[in-house]
Amino acid sequence: MVRSDDLVAALLTTDRAVADEAWARLSSADIPAAVITDPGMMGAYQLIVQVHRENLEQAQELLADLV
């Protein structure tokens, strides 16, 4: 079972295409990831790509050019 405190944000964006690309890269590298939509205030939303804490460093390396 995954505890919520084991998940960390690897990427924050408002662009769905960027979030989808990040998820695809992580999946290709066998890093479990999830894209969470945070509705935010006043309709402004943010997409959060989450990974397990132990995969964060590798995920950040894979996603560095998307930031």
Protein backbone atom coordinates (compact mmCIF):
# COMPACT_ATOMS: atom_id res chain seq x y z
CA MET A 1 0.00 0.00 0.00
CA VAL A 2 1.29 3.47 -0.91
CA ARG A 3 1.05 6.10 1.78
CA SER A 4 0.28 9.64 0.59
CA ASP A 5 3.41 10.96 2.32
CA ASP A 6 5.48 8.63 0.09
CA LEU A 7 4.34 10.59 -2.98
CA VAL A 8 6.08 13.81 -3.97
CA ALA A 9 5.70 16.31 -6.79
CA ALA A 10 8.22 15.83 -9.58
CA LEU A 11 6.67 18.46 -11.87
CA LEU A 12 4.10 21.25 -11.60
CA THR A 13 2.54 22.72 -14.74
CA THR A 14 -0.63 24.23 -16.15
CA ASP A 15 -0.03 22.66 -19.58
CA ARG A 16 -1.75 19.29 -20.06
CA ALA A 17 0.59 18.36 -22.93
CA VAL A 18 3.64 18.87 -20.68
CA ALA A 19 2.07 16.75 -17.92
CA ASP A 20 1.26 14.00 -20.43
CA GLU A 21 4.83 14.07 -21.80
CA ALA A 22 6.22 13.85 -18.26
CA TRP A 23 3.98 10.87 -17.47
CA ALA A 24 5.01 9.13 -20.71
CA ARG A 25 8.73 9.61 -19.98
CA LEU A 26 8.37 8.30 -16.46
CA SER A 27 6.32 5.32 -17.60
CA SER A 28 8.93 4.49 -20.25
CA ALA A 29 11.57 4.50 -17.51
CA ASP A 30 9.40 2.18 -15.35
CA ILE A 31 8.85 4.90 -12.74
CA PRO A 32 5.29 4.77 -11.40
CA ALA A 33 3.69 8.21 -11.72
CA ALA A 34 0.34 9.90 -11.45
CA VAL A 35 -0.97 13.18 -12.85
CA ILE A 36 -3.19 14.95 -10.35
CA THR A 37 -5.33 17.96 -11.22
CA ASP A 38 -5.49 20.59 -8.48
CA PRO A 39 -8.50 22.81 -9.21
CA GLY A 40 -7.00 25.81 -7.44
CA MET A 41 -8.82 29.01 -6.70
CA MET A 42 -11.02 30.92 -9.13
CA GLY A 43 -10.81 28.13 -11.74
CA ALA A 44 -7.03 28.34 -12.17
CA TYR A 45 -5.81 24.77 -12.10
CA GLN A 46 -2.42 23.13 -11.83
CA LEU A 47 -1.31 19.67 -12.88
CA ILE A 48 0.97 17.83 -10.48
CA VAL A 49 3.04 14.86 -11.64
CA GLN A 50 3.69 12.73 -8.57
CA VAL A 51 6.20 9.93 -8.03
CA HIS A 52 7.35 7.84 -5.09
CA ARG A 53 9.88 9.65 -2.94
CA GLU A 54 12.63 7.13 -3.74
CA ASN A 55 12.21 7.83 -7.49
CA LEU A 56 12.27 11.62 -7.23
CA GLU A 57 15.91 12.22 -8.19
CA GLN A 58 15.70 10.01 -11.29
CA ALA A 59 12.35 11.55 -12.25
CA GLN A 60 13.73 15.08 -11.98
CA GLU A 61 16.63 14.14 -14.26
CA LEU A 62 14.21 12.76 -16.85
CA LEU A 63 11.96 15.83 -16.67
CA ALA A 64 14.57 18.60 -16.35
CA ASP A 65 13.99 19.99 -19.85
CA LEU A 66 10.21 20.23 -19.27
CA VAL A 67 10.56 22.60 -16.31
